[in-house]
N, C-alpha and C. Protein backbone atom coordinates (compact mmCIF):
# COMPACT_ATOMS: atom_id res chain seq x y z
N MET A 1 29.09 27.50 -29.83
CA MET A 1 28.75 27.46 -28.42
C MET A 1 29.66 26.45 -27.74
N GLU A 2 30.17 26.85 -26.63
CA GLU A 2 31.10 25.98 -25.93
C GLU A 2 30.35 24.94 -25.09
N LEU A 3 31.07 23.94 -24.72
CA LEU A 3 30.50 22.84 -23.95
C LEU A 3 30.00 23.30 -22.58
N ASP A 4 30.73 24.20 -21.92
CA ASP A 4 30.32 24.71 -20.61
C ASP A 4 29.02 25.51 -20.72
N GLU A 5 28.91 26.30 -21.80
CA GLU A 5 27.68 27.07 -21.99
C GLU A 5 26.50 26.15 -22.22
N MET A 6 26.74 25.09 -23.02
CA MET A 6 25.66 24.13 -23.30
C MET A 6 25.23 23.40 -22.02
N LYS A 7 26.21 23.06 -21.19
CA LYS A 7 25.89 22.40 -19.92
C LYS A 7 25.08 23.32 -19.03
N SER A 8 25.47 24.58 -18.97
CA SER A 8 24.78 25.56 -18.15
C SER A 8 23.36 25.79 -18.66
N LEU A 9 23.22 25.91 -19.97
CA LEU A 9 21.91 26.09 -20.58
C LEU A 9 21.02 24.88 -20.32
N TRP A 10 21.60 23.70 -20.47
CA TRP A 10 20.88 22.46 -20.23
C TRP A 10 20.42 22.36 -18.76
N ALA A 11 21.28 22.74 -17.85
CA ALA A 11 20.94 22.71 -16.42
C ALA A 11 19.81 23.69 -16.12
N ASP A 12 19.87 24.90 -16.73
CA ASP A 12 18.81 25.89 -16.54
C ASP A 12 17.48 25.38 -17.09
N LEU A 13 17.54 24.83 -18.28
CA LEU A 13 16.34 24.29 -18.92
C LEU A 13 15.76 23.14 -18.10
N SER A 14 16.60 22.28 -17.59
CA SER A 14 16.17 21.15 -16.77
C SER A 14 15.51 21.65 -15.48
N LEU A 15 16.08 22.68 -14.88
CA LEU A 15 15.52 23.27 -13.65
C LEU A 15 14.15 23.89 -13.93
N GLN A 16 14.01 24.57 -15.06
CA GLN A 16 12.73 25.17 -15.43
C GLN A 16 11.67 24.10 -15.66
N VAL A 17 12.07 23.02 -16.32
CA VAL A 17 11.13 21.92 -16.56
C VAL A 17 10.70 21.30 -15.24
N GLU A 18 11.62 21.12 -14.31
CA GLU A 18 11.29 20.56 -12.99
C GLU A 18 10.32 21.47 -12.24
N LYS A 19 10.57 22.79 -12.29
CA LYS A 19 9.68 23.74 -11.62
C LYS A 19 8.29 23.69 -12.24
N GLN A 20 8.26 23.67 -13.57
CA GLN A 20 6.98 23.61 -14.28
C GLN A 20 6.22 22.32 -13.92
N ASP A 21 6.94 21.22 -13.87
CA ASP A 21 6.34 19.93 -13.52
C ASP A 21 5.79 19.96 -12.10
N LYS A 22 6.54 20.56 -11.19
CA LYS A 22 6.12 20.66 -9.79
C LYS A 22 4.86 21.53 -9.67
N ILE A 23 4.84 22.64 -10.40
CA ILE A 23 3.67 23.53 -10.38
C ILE A 23 2.44 22.81 -10.93
N GLN A 24 2.62 22.05 -12.02
CA GLN A 24 1.51 21.32 -12.60
C GLN A 24 0.98 20.25 -11.64
N LYS A 25 1.90 19.55 -10.95
CA LYS A 25 1.47 18.54 -9.98
C LYS A 25 0.69 19.16 -8.83
N GLU A 26 1.17 20.32 -8.34
CA GLU A 26 0.47 21.01 -7.25
C GLU A 26 -0.90 21.48 -7.70
N LEU A 27 -0.98 22.00 -8.92
CA LEU A 27 -2.26 22.46 -9.44
C LEU A 27 -3.23 21.29 -9.61
N LEU A 28 -2.74 20.18 -10.14
CA LEU A 28 -3.56 18.98 -10.30
C LEU A 28 -4.04 18.48 -8.94
N MET A 29 -3.17 18.53 -7.95
CA MET A 29 -3.52 18.08 -6.60
C MET A 29 -4.62 18.97 -6.01
N GLN A 30 -4.51 20.29 -6.22
CA GLN A 30 -5.53 21.21 -5.72
C GLN A 30 -6.88 20.98 -6.40
N ILE A 31 -6.85 20.76 -7.71
CA ILE A 31 -8.08 20.50 -8.45
C ILE A 31 -8.72 19.19 -7.98
N THR A 32 -7.89 18.16 -7.81
CA THR A 32 -8.40 16.87 -7.33
C THR A 32 -8.98 17.01 -5.93
N LYS A 33 -8.30 17.75 -5.08
CA LYS A 33 -8.79 17.96 -3.71
C LYS A 33 -10.16 18.65 -3.73
N GLN A 34 -10.30 19.67 -4.57
CA GLN A 34 -11.56 20.39 -4.67
C GLN A 34 -12.68 19.49 -5.21
N LYS A 35 -12.38 18.73 -6.25
CA LYS A 35 -13.37 17.81 -6.82
C LYS A 35 -13.77 16.75 -5.80
N PHE A 36 -12.79 16.23 -5.07
CA PHE A 36 -13.02 15.20 -4.06
C PHE A 36 -13.97 15.70 -2.98
N ARG A 37 -13.70 16.89 -2.47
CA ARG A 37 -14.53 17.44 -1.40
C ARG A 37 -15.95 17.77 -1.90
N SER A 38 -16.03 18.32 -3.11
CA SER A 38 -17.36 18.65 -3.63
C SER A 38 -18.15 17.38 -3.96
N LYS A 39 -17.47 16.33 -4.38
CA LYS A 39 -18.14 15.05 -4.65
C LYS A 39 -18.75 14.51 -3.35
N LEU A 40 -18.00 14.58 -2.25
CA LEU A 40 -18.51 14.07 -0.97
C LEU A 40 -19.60 14.97 -0.37
N ASN A 41 -19.74 16.18 -0.92
CA ASN A 41 -20.86 17.02 -0.47
C ASN A 41 -22.20 16.40 -0.85
N GLY A 42 -22.19 15.51 -1.84
CA GLY A 42 -23.41 14.79 -2.20
C GLY A 42 -23.92 13.92 -1.07
N ILE A 43 -23.06 13.57 -0.15
CA ILE A 43 -23.46 12.82 1.04
C ILE A 43 -23.62 13.77 2.22
N ARG A 44 -22.70 14.69 2.34
CA ARG A 44 -22.65 15.58 3.50
C ARG A 44 -23.89 16.47 3.61
N ILE A 45 -24.32 17.05 2.51
CA ILE A 45 -25.45 18.00 2.56
C ILE A 45 -26.75 17.32 2.98
N PRO A 46 -27.13 16.17 2.37
CA PRO A 46 -28.35 15.51 2.86
C PRO A 46 -28.25 15.08 4.33
N GLU A 47 -27.05 14.64 4.73
CA GLU A 47 -26.87 14.24 6.14
C GLU A 47 -26.97 15.45 7.07
N LEU A 48 -26.47 16.61 6.63
CA LEU A 48 -26.61 17.83 7.44
C LEU A 48 -28.08 18.22 7.60
N ILE A 49 -28.81 18.17 6.49
CA ILE A 49 -30.24 18.50 6.55
C ILE A 49 -30.97 17.53 7.48
N GLY A 50 -30.68 16.24 7.34
CA GLY A 50 -31.28 15.24 8.22
C GLY A 50 -30.90 15.46 9.67
N SER A 51 -29.66 15.88 9.90
CA SER A 51 -29.21 16.14 11.28
C SER A 51 -29.96 17.31 11.90
N PHE A 52 -30.18 18.36 11.11
CA PHE A 52 -30.95 19.51 11.63
C PHE A 52 -32.37 19.09 11.99
N ILE A 53 -32.97 18.26 11.17
CA ILE A 53 -34.33 17.78 11.45
C ILE A 53 -34.33 16.94 12.73
N CYS A 54 -33.33 16.06 12.86
CA CYS A 54 -33.23 15.22 14.07
C CYS A 54 -33.06 16.07 15.32
N VAL A 55 -32.17 17.05 15.26
CA VAL A 55 -31.94 17.92 16.43
C VAL A 55 -33.20 18.72 16.75
N PHE A 56 -33.91 19.16 15.72
CA PHE A 56 -35.16 19.90 15.95
C PHE A 56 -36.16 19.03 16.72
N TYR A 57 -36.36 17.78 16.28
CA TYR A 57 -37.29 16.89 16.98
C TYR A 57 -36.80 16.54 18.37
N ALA A 58 -35.50 16.39 18.53
CA ALA A 58 -34.95 16.10 19.87
C ALA A 58 -35.22 17.27 20.81
N MET A 59 -35.01 18.49 20.32
CA MET A 59 -35.28 19.68 21.15
C MET A 59 -36.77 19.83 21.44
N TYR A 60 -37.59 19.50 20.45
CA TYR A 60 -39.04 19.56 20.63
C TYR A 60 -39.47 18.61 21.75
N LEU A 61 -39.02 17.36 21.68
CA LEU A 61 -39.37 16.39 22.72
C LEU A 61 -38.81 16.78 24.08
N LEU A 62 -37.59 17.31 24.07
CA LEU A 62 -36.96 17.73 25.32
C LEU A 62 -37.71 18.90 25.96
N SER A 63 -38.17 19.83 25.13
CA SER A 63 -38.87 21.00 25.68
C SER A 63 -40.24 20.63 26.26
N TYR A 64 -40.87 19.58 25.77
CA TYR A 64 -42.17 19.15 26.28
C TYR A 64 -42.07 17.91 27.17
N PHE A 65 -40.88 17.57 27.58
CA PHE A 65 -40.67 16.34 28.35
C PHE A 65 -41.50 16.32 29.64
N GLY A 66 -41.62 17.44 30.29
CA GLY A 66 -42.38 17.52 31.56
C GLY A 66 -43.87 17.29 31.38
N GLU A 67 -44.37 17.37 30.18
CA GLU A 67 -45.81 17.21 29.94
C GLU A 67 -46.24 15.76 29.73
N PHE A 68 -45.30 14.83 29.67
CA PHE A 68 -45.67 13.43 29.49
C PHE A 68 -46.23 12.88 30.79
N GLU A 69 -47.47 12.37 30.71
CA GLU A 69 -48.12 11.83 31.90
C GLU A 69 -47.85 10.33 32.02
N MET A 70 -47.69 9.66 30.91
CA MET A 70 -47.47 8.21 30.93
C MET A 70 -45.98 7.93 31.05
N TRP A 71 -45.62 7.07 32.00
CA TRP A 71 -44.20 6.79 32.27
C TRP A 71 -43.49 6.18 31.07
N TYR A 72 -44.20 5.32 30.33
CA TYR A 72 -43.53 4.68 29.20
C TYR A 72 -43.25 5.69 28.08
N ASN A 73 -44.08 6.74 27.98
CA ASN A 73 -43.79 7.77 26.97
C ASN A 73 -42.54 8.58 27.35
N GLN A 74 -42.30 8.72 28.65
CA GLN A 74 -41.06 9.37 29.08
C GLN A 74 -39.85 8.53 28.66
N ILE A 75 -39.95 7.23 28.84
CA ILE A 75 -38.85 6.33 28.44
C ILE A 75 -38.67 6.36 26.92
N PHE A 76 -39.80 6.27 26.19
CA PHE A 76 -39.73 6.34 24.73
C PHE A 76 -39.13 7.67 24.27
N ALA A 77 -39.52 8.74 24.93
CA ALA A 77 -39.00 10.07 24.56
C ALA A 77 -37.49 10.14 24.81
N LEU A 78 -37.03 9.59 25.93
CA LEU A 78 -35.59 9.59 26.21
C LEU A 78 -34.81 8.78 25.17
N ILE A 79 -35.34 7.61 24.82
CA ILE A 79 -34.69 6.78 23.80
C ILE A 79 -34.66 7.52 22.47
N THR A 80 -35.78 8.14 22.13
CA THR A 80 -35.87 8.89 20.87
C THR A 80 -34.88 10.04 20.85
N ILE A 81 -34.82 10.81 21.93
CA ILE A 81 -33.89 11.94 22.00
C ILE A 81 -32.45 11.46 21.86
N LEU A 82 -32.13 10.39 22.54
CA LEU A 82 -30.77 9.83 22.47
C LEU A 82 -30.42 9.43 21.03
N ILE A 83 -31.33 8.72 20.37
CA ILE A 83 -31.07 8.31 18.99
C ILE A 83 -30.96 9.53 18.08
N LEU A 84 -31.84 10.50 18.26
CA LEU A 84 -31.85 11.70 17.40
C LEU A 84 -30.61 12.56 17.58
N ILE A 85 -29.90 12.40 18.67
CA ILE A 85 -28.66 13.16 18.88
C ILE A 85 -27.43 12.34 18.48
N VAL A 86 -27.38 11.09 18.93
CA VAL A 86 -26.19 10.26 18.71
C VAL A 86 -26.01 9.89 17.24
N LEU A 87 -27.07 9.49 16.58
CA LEU A 87 -26.96 9.01 15.21
C LEU A 87 -26.46 10.08 14.23
N PRO A 88 -27.04 11.28 14.21
CA PRO A 88 -26.50 12.30 13.29
C PRO A 88 -25.07 12.70 13.63
N THR A 89 -24.75 12.73 14.92
CA THR A 89 -23.39 13.08 15.32
C THR A 89 -22.39 12.06 14.78
N ALA A 90 -22.71 10.78 14.93
CA ALA A 90 -21.83 9.72 14.43
C ALA A 90 -21.71 9.77 12.92
N SER A 91 -22.82 10.02 12.24
CA SER A 91 -22.81 10.07 10.79
C SER A 91 -21.97 11.25 10.28
N LEU A 92 -22.16 12.42 10.85
CA LEU A 92 -21.39 13.60 10.41
C LEU A 92 -19.91 13.44 10.74
N THR A 93 -19.59 12.80 11.84
CA THR A 93 -18.20 12.55 12.20
C THR A 93 -17.55 11.61 11.18
N ALA A 94 -18.28 10.59 10.76
CA ALA A 94 -17.75 9.64 9.77
C ALA A 94 -17.55 10.33 8.42
N ILE A 95 -18.47 11.19 8.03
CA ILE A 95 -18.33 11.93 6.77
C ILE A 95 -17.14 12.88 6.85
N LYS A 96 -16.99 13.53 8.00
CA LYS A 96 -15.86 14.46 8.18
C LYS A 96 -14.54 13.71 8.03
N ALA A 97 -14.47 12.50 8.56
CA ALA A 97 -13.23 11.70 8.44
C ALA A 97 -12.92 11.39 6.98
N MET A 98 -13.96 11.10 6.20
CA MET A 98 -13.73 10.84 4.76
C MET A 98 -13.28 12.10 4.05
N ARG A 99 -13.89 13.22 4.36
CA ARG A 99 -13.56 14.48 3.68
C ARG A 99 -12.19 15.02 4.09
N ASN A 100 -11.73 14.67 5.28
CA ASN A 100 -10.48 15.22 5.78
C ASN A 100 -9.24 14.41 5.40
N VAL A 101 -9.39 13.49 4.48
CA VAL A 101 -8.22 12.77 3.98
C VAL A 101 -7.32 13.79 3.30
N ARG A 102 -6.07 13.85 3.73
CA ARG A 102 -5.14 14.88 3.25
C ARG A 102 -4.51 14.47 1.92
N ILE A 103 -5.14 14.84 0.84
CA ILE A 103 -4.68 14.48 -0.49
C ILE A 103 -3.33 15.10 -0.81
N ASP A 104 -3.12 16.31 -0.34
CA ASP A 104 -1.90 17.03 -0.70
C ASP A 104 -0.69 16.69 0.15
N LEU A 105 -0.86 15.95 1.24
CA LEU A 105 0.27 15.70 2.14
C LEU A 105 0.79 14.26 2.12
N ASP A 106 -0.11 13.31 1.98
CA ASP A 106 0.28 11.90 2.10
C ASP A 106 0.55 11.26 0.74
N ALA A 107 1.21 10.12 0.80
CA ALA A 107 1.45 9.33 -0.41
C ALA A 107 0.12 8.73 -0.87
N PRO A 108 -0.05 8.48 -2.17
CA PRO A 108 -1.32 7.95 -2.68
C PRO A 108 -1.79 6.67 -1.99
N ALA A 109 -0.88 5.75 -1.69
CA ALA A 109 -1.27 4.50 -1.03
C ALA A 109 -1.80 4.79 0.38
N THR A 110 -1.18 5.72 1.09
CA THR A 110 -1.62 6.09 2.44
C THR A 110 -2.97 6.79 2.38
N ILE A 111 -3.15 7.64 1.39
CA ILE A 111 -4.43 8.36 1.22
C ILE A 111 -5.55 7.35 1.02
N LEU A 112 -5.31 6.40 0.13
CA LEU A 112 -6.32 5.40 -0.19
C LEU A 112 -6.66 4.55 1.03
N GLU A 113 -5.65 4.18 1.79
CA GLU A 113 -5.87 3.36 2.99
C GLU A 113 -6.69 4.14 4.03
N LYS A 114 -6.35 5.41 4.25
CA LYS A 114 -7.11 6.23 5.20
C LYS A 114 -8.55 6.39 4.75
N PHE A 115 -8.73 6.60 3.45
CA PHE A 115 -10.08 6.77 2.93
C PHE A 115 -10.89 5.48 3.11
N ARG A 116 -10.28 4.34 2.84
CA ARG A 116 -10.99 3.07 3.00
C ARG A 116 -11.41 2.83 4.44
N LYS A 117 -10.53 3.17 5.38
CA LYS A 117 -10.87 3.01 6.80
C LYS A 117 -12.05 3.91 7.17
N SER A 118 -11.99 5.17 6.74
CA SER A 118 -13.09 6.09 7.07
C SER A 118 -14.36 5.70 6.34
N LYS A 119 -14.24 5.14 5.13
CA LYS A 119 -15.41 4.66 4.38
C LYS A 119 -16.06 3.49 5.13
N ASP A 120 -15.25 2.56 5.62
CA ASP A 120 -15.79 1.42 6.38
C ASP A 120 -16.51 1.90 7.64
N ARG A 121 -15.93 2.89 8.28
CA ARG A 121 -16.56 3.45 9.49
C ARG A 121 -17.90 4.10 9.14
N PHE A 122 -17.95 4.80 8.01
CA PHE A 122 -19.19 5.43 7.57
C PHE A 122 -20.27 4.38 7.32
N TRP A 123 -19.90 3.28 6.65
CA TRP A 123 -20.90 2.24 6.37
C TRP A 123 -21.36 1.55 7.65
N LYS A 124 -20.49 1.41 8.65
CA LYS A 124 -20.91 0.84 9.93
C LYS A 124 -21.95 1.75 10.58
N VAL A 125 -21.68 3.05 10.55
CA VAL A 125 -22.63 4.01 11.12
C VAL A 125 -23.97 3.92 10.39
N GLN A 126 -23.92 3.77 9.07
CA GLN A 126 -25.16 3.66 8.30
C GLN A 126 -25.94 2.39 8.66
N ARG A 127 -25.22 1.29 8.89
CA ARG A 127 -25.90 0.04 9.28
C ARG A 127 -26.57 0.20 10.65
N TYR A 128 -25.83 0.79 11.59
CA TYR A 128 -26.43 1.05 12.91
C TYR A 128 -27.60 2.01 12.77
N GLY A 129 -27.47 2.93 11.84
CA GLY A 129 -28.55 3.89 11.60
C GLY A 129 -29.83 3.21 11.13
N MET A 130 -29.68 2.19 10.30
CA MET A 130 -30.87 1.45 9.84
C MET A 130 -31.55 0.74 11.01
N ILE A 131 -30.75 0.14 11.87
CA ILE A 131 -31.30 -0.57 13.03
C ILE A 131 -31.96 0.42 13.98
N LEU A 132 -31.24 1.49 14.29
CA LEU A 132 -31.79 2.49 15.21
C LEU A 132 -32.96 3.24 14.58
N GLY A 133 -32.99 3.32 13.26
CA GLY A 133 -34.14 3.93 12.58
C GLY A 133 -35.41 3.12 12.81
N GLY A 134 -35.27 1.80 12.81
CA GLY A 134 -36.42 0.94 13.12
C GLY A 134 -36.89 1.13 14.54
N VAL A 135 -35.93 1.25 15.47
CA VAL A 135 -36.29 1.50 16.88
C VAL A 135 -36.95 2.87 17.00
N LEU A 136 -36.39 3.85 16.33
CA LEU A 136 -36.92 5.21 16.37
C LEU A 136 -38.34 5.28 15.83
N MET A 137 -38.60 4.52 14.77
CA MET A 137 -39.92 4.52 14.17
C MET A 137 -40.99 4.09 15.19
N ILE A 138 -40.61 3.20 16.10
CA ILE A 138 -41.56 2.73 17.11
C ILE A 138 -41.58 3.65 18.33
N THR A 139 -40.41 4.15 18.76
CA THR A 139 -40.36 4.94 19.99
C THR A 139 -40.82 6.38 19.84
N ILE A 140 -40.80 6.91 18.63
CA ILE A 140 -41.16 8.33 18.47
C ILE A 140 -42.67 8.55 18.46
N LEU A 141 -43.41 7.57 18.01
CA LEU A 141 -44.84 7.76 17.82
C LEU A 141 -45.64 7.93 19.12
N PRO A 142 -45.49 7.07 20.13
CA PRO A 142 -46.29 7.26 21.35
C PRO A 142 -46.08 8.62 22.02
N PRO A 143 -44.84 9.13 22.20
CA PRO A 143 -44.72 10.46 22.80
C PRO A 143 -45.34 11.57 21.95
N LEU A 144 -45.18 11.49 20.63
CA LEU A 144 -45.76 12.53 19.77
C LEU A 144 -47.28 12.51 19.81
N THR A 145 -47.87 11.31 19.85
CA THR A 145 -49.33 11.24 19.90
C THR A 145 -49.88 11.74 21.25
N GLU A 146 -49.11 11.51 22.32
CA GLU A 146 -49.56 12.05 23.61
C GLU A 146 -49.51 13.57 23.60
N LEU A 147 -48.47 14.13 23.01
CA LEU A 147 -48.36 15.59 22.94
C LEU A 147 -49.46 16.19 22.07
N ASN A 148 -49.85 15.47 21.02
CA ASN A 148 -50.90 15.96 20.11
C ASN A 148 -52.30 15.65 20.61
N GLY A 149 -52.41 14.84 21.66
CA GLY A 149 -53.71 14.50 22.22
C GLY A 149 -54.46 13.44 21.43
N SER A 150 -53.76 12.65 20.65
CA SER A 150 -54.42 11.62 19.84
C SER A 150 -53.96 10.22 20.27
N VAL A 151 -53.95 9.97 21.58
CA VAL A 151 -53.50 8.70 22.13
C VAL A 151 -54.40 7.55 21.70
N ASP A 152 -55.69 7.86 21.47
CA ASP A 152 -56.63 6.80 21.06
C ASP A 152 -56.20 6.12 19.77
N LYS A 153 -55.57 6.88 18.89
CA LYS A 153 -55.14 6.33 17.60
C LYS A 153 -54.15 5.19 17.79
N ILE A 154 -53.16 5.35 18.70
CA ILE A 154 -52.15 4.31 18.86
C ILE A 154 -52.62 3.17 19.77
N MET A 155 -53.75 3.35 20.44
CA MET A 155 -54.30 2.27 21.26
C MET A 155 -55.01 1.23 20.40
N ASN A 156 -55.31 1.58 19.18
CA ASN A 156 -55.99 0.68 18.26
C ASN A 156 -54.98 -0.30 17.65
N PRO A 157 -55.16 -1.62 17.84
CA PRO A 157 -54.20 -2.60 17.30
C PRO A 157 -54.10 -2.58 15.76
N VAL A 158 -55.20 -2.20 15.11
CA VAL A 158 -55.18 -2.14 13.65
C VAL A 158 -54.16 -1.09 13.17
N PHE A 159 -54.07 0.00 13.92
CA PHE A 159 -53.10 1.05 13.57
C PHE A 159 -51.69 0.47 13.54
N TRP A 160 -51.33 -0.29 14.56
CA TRP A 160 -49.99 -0.86 14.64
C TRP A 160 -49.78 -1.93 13.57
N MET A 161 -50.84 -2.64 13.22
CA MET A 161 -50.73 -3.66 12.17
C MET A 161 -50.48 -3.03 10.80
N ILE A 162 -50.90 -1.81 10.64
CA ILE A 162 -50.65 -1.10 9.37
C ILE A 162 -49.35 -0.29 9.46
N TYR A 163 -49.17 0.39 10.59
CA TYR A 163 -48.03 1.30 10.76
C TYR A 163 -46.69 0.58 10.71
N ILE A 164 -46.54 -0.50 11.46
CA ILE A 164 -45.24 -1.16 11.54
C ILE A 164 -44.82 -1.77 10.20
N PRO A 165 -45.63 -2.59 9.54
CA PRO A 165 -45.18 -3.11 8.23
C PRO A 165 -45.01 -1.99 7.20
N GLY A 166 -45.97 -1.06 7.18
CA GLY A 166 -45.87 0.06 6.22
C GLY A 166 -44.64 0.91 6.48
N GLY A 167 -44.36 1.16 7.76
CA GLY A 167 -43.19 1.96 8.12
C GLY A 167 -41.89 1.28 7.74
N PHE A 168 -41.83 -0.02 7.98
CA PHE A 168 -40.61 -0.76 7.63
C PHE A 168 -40.41 -0.84 6.12
N ILE A 169 -41.50 -1.01 5.38
CA ILE A 169 -41.38 -1.02 3.92
C ILE A 169 -40.90 0.34 3.42
N PHE A 170 -41.50 1.41 3.95
CA PHE A 170 -41.09 2.76 3.56
C PHE A 170 -39.62 2.99 3.91
N MET A 171 -39.23 2.58 5.12
CA MET A 171 -37.83 2.73 5.54
C MET A 171 -36.89 1.94 4.63
N TYR A 172 -37.29 0.74 4.27
CA TYR A 172 -36.47 -0.09 3.39
C TYR A 172 -36.26 0.58 2.04
N LEU A 173 -37.33 1.11 1.46
CA LEU A 173 -37.23 1.77 0.16
C LEU A 173 -36.34 3.01 0.21
N ILE A 174 -36.52 3.82 1.24
CA ILE A 174 -35.70 5.03 1.40
C ILE A 174 -34.24 4.64 1.62
N THR A 175 -34.01 3.63 2.43
CA THR A 175 -32.64 3.19 2.71
C THR A 175 -31.95 2.67 1.46
N GLN A 176 -32.67 1.91 0.65
CA GLN A 176 -32.08 1.39 -0.60
C GLN A 176 -31.73 2.52 -1.55
N TRP A 177 -32.61 3.50 -1.65
CA TRP A 177 -32.35 4.65 -2.51
C TRP A 177 -31.11 5.42 -2.02
N ALA A 178 -31.06 5.68 -0.71
CA ALA A 178 -29.92 6.41 -0.15
C ALA A 178 -28.63 5.60 -0.29
N TYR A 179 -28.71 4.29 -0.07
CA TYR A 179 -27.53 3.44 -0.20
C TYR A 179 -26.94 3.51 -1.61
N LYS A 180 -27.80 3.42 -2.62
CA LYS A 180 -27.32 3.49 -4.01
C LYS A 180 -26.67 4.84 -4.29
N LYS A 181 -27.30 5.90 -3.83
CA LYS A 181 -26.77 7.25 -4.05
C LYS A 181 -25.42 7.41 -3.34
N TYR A 182 -25.38 7.05 -2.07
CA TYR A 182 -24.15 7.19 -1.29
C TYR A 182 -23.04 6.30 -1.84
N ASN A 183 -23.40 5.07 -2.20
CA ASN A 183 -22.40 4.13 -2.70
C ASN A 183 -21.78 4.65 -4.01
N GLY A 184 -22.61 5.20 -4.89
CA GLY A 184 -22.09 5.77 -6.13
C GLY A 184 -21.14 6.93 -5.87
N THR A 185 -21.49 7.79 -4.94
CA THR A 185 -20.65 8.94 -4.60
C THR A 185 -19.33 8.49 -3.99
N ILE A 186 -19.39 7.54 -3.07
CA ILE A 186 -18.18 7.07 -2.41
C ILE A 186 -17.29 6.32 -3.39
N ASP A 187 -17.88 5.50 -4.25
CA ASP A 187 -17.07 4.77 -5.25
C ASP A 187 -16.36 5.72 -6.21
N SER A 188 -17.07 6.75 -6.67
CA SER A 188 -16.42 7.69 -7.58
C SER A 188 -15.34 8.51 -6.87
N SER A 189 -15.53 8.79 -5.58
CA SER A 189 -14.51 9.49 -4.81
C SER A 189 -13.27 8.62 -4.64
N GLU A 190 -13.50 7.33 -4.36
CA GLU A 190 -12.38 6.40 -4.20
C GLU A 190 -11.63 6.23 -5.53
N LYS A 191 -12.37 6.19 -6.62
CA LYS A 191 -11.75 6.08 -7.95
C LYS A 191 -10.86 7.30 -8.22
N MET A 192 -11.33 8.46 -7.81
CA MET A 192 -10.55 9.68 -7.97
C MET A 192 -9.23 9.58 -7.21
N LEU A 193 -9.28 9.00 -6.01
CA LEU A 193 -8.07 8.84 -5.22
C LEU A 193 -7.14 7.80 -5.83
N ARG A 194 -7.70 6.74 -6.41
CA ARG A 194 -6.87 5.72 -7.06
C ARG A 194 -6.12 6.29 -8.25
N GLU A 195 -6.69 7.27 -8.91
CA GLU A 195 -6.05 7.87 -10.08
C GLU A 195 -4.86 8.75 -9.71
N LEU A 196 -4.68 9.03 -8.43
CA LEU A 196 -3.53 9.83 -8.00
C LEU A 196 -2.22 9.06 -8.14
N ASP A 197 -2.31 7.74 -8.13
CA ASP A 197 -1.09 6.91 -8.24
C ASP A 197 -0.34 7.12 -9.52
């Protein structure tokens, strides 16, 4: 075999190896992208379900808004409707930003930086959500009791002495459970992105 033939063969073999390597990298990138998005569905799906419930209650209060006789229940209903619309919208937007990190287009360091920024934004929304959840727990009850005709129940101070501490304890427990679940999902997603390097 002559030297020119060997060079030509070597160049062809090198080109085939490069193509194969490129195909493998693209396939790995597609698999990682799919795993990444499905991993974040562990956060997205519960948030979607919660958002539908929030929108349902917002529409319910809005449809019966004219039936509130007490002025403060109208104010509470407006605050409740606002929270029930704004909070899920902000949460879903933050999740969308995390899921839309372009794994296949950007450099690994850029991907990780974008993900960290969107992750920080998501956690800010969750913190505001905890605060607004406490406000919601108080503002939703008076309008709902007026609509149900059980206003006497909330006029009793004993009810509020049980409801507020019990509600906050329940909220705290649910929040801690959700935080652990979400944190585990986000950490494993971030680890997946770090492995792209």
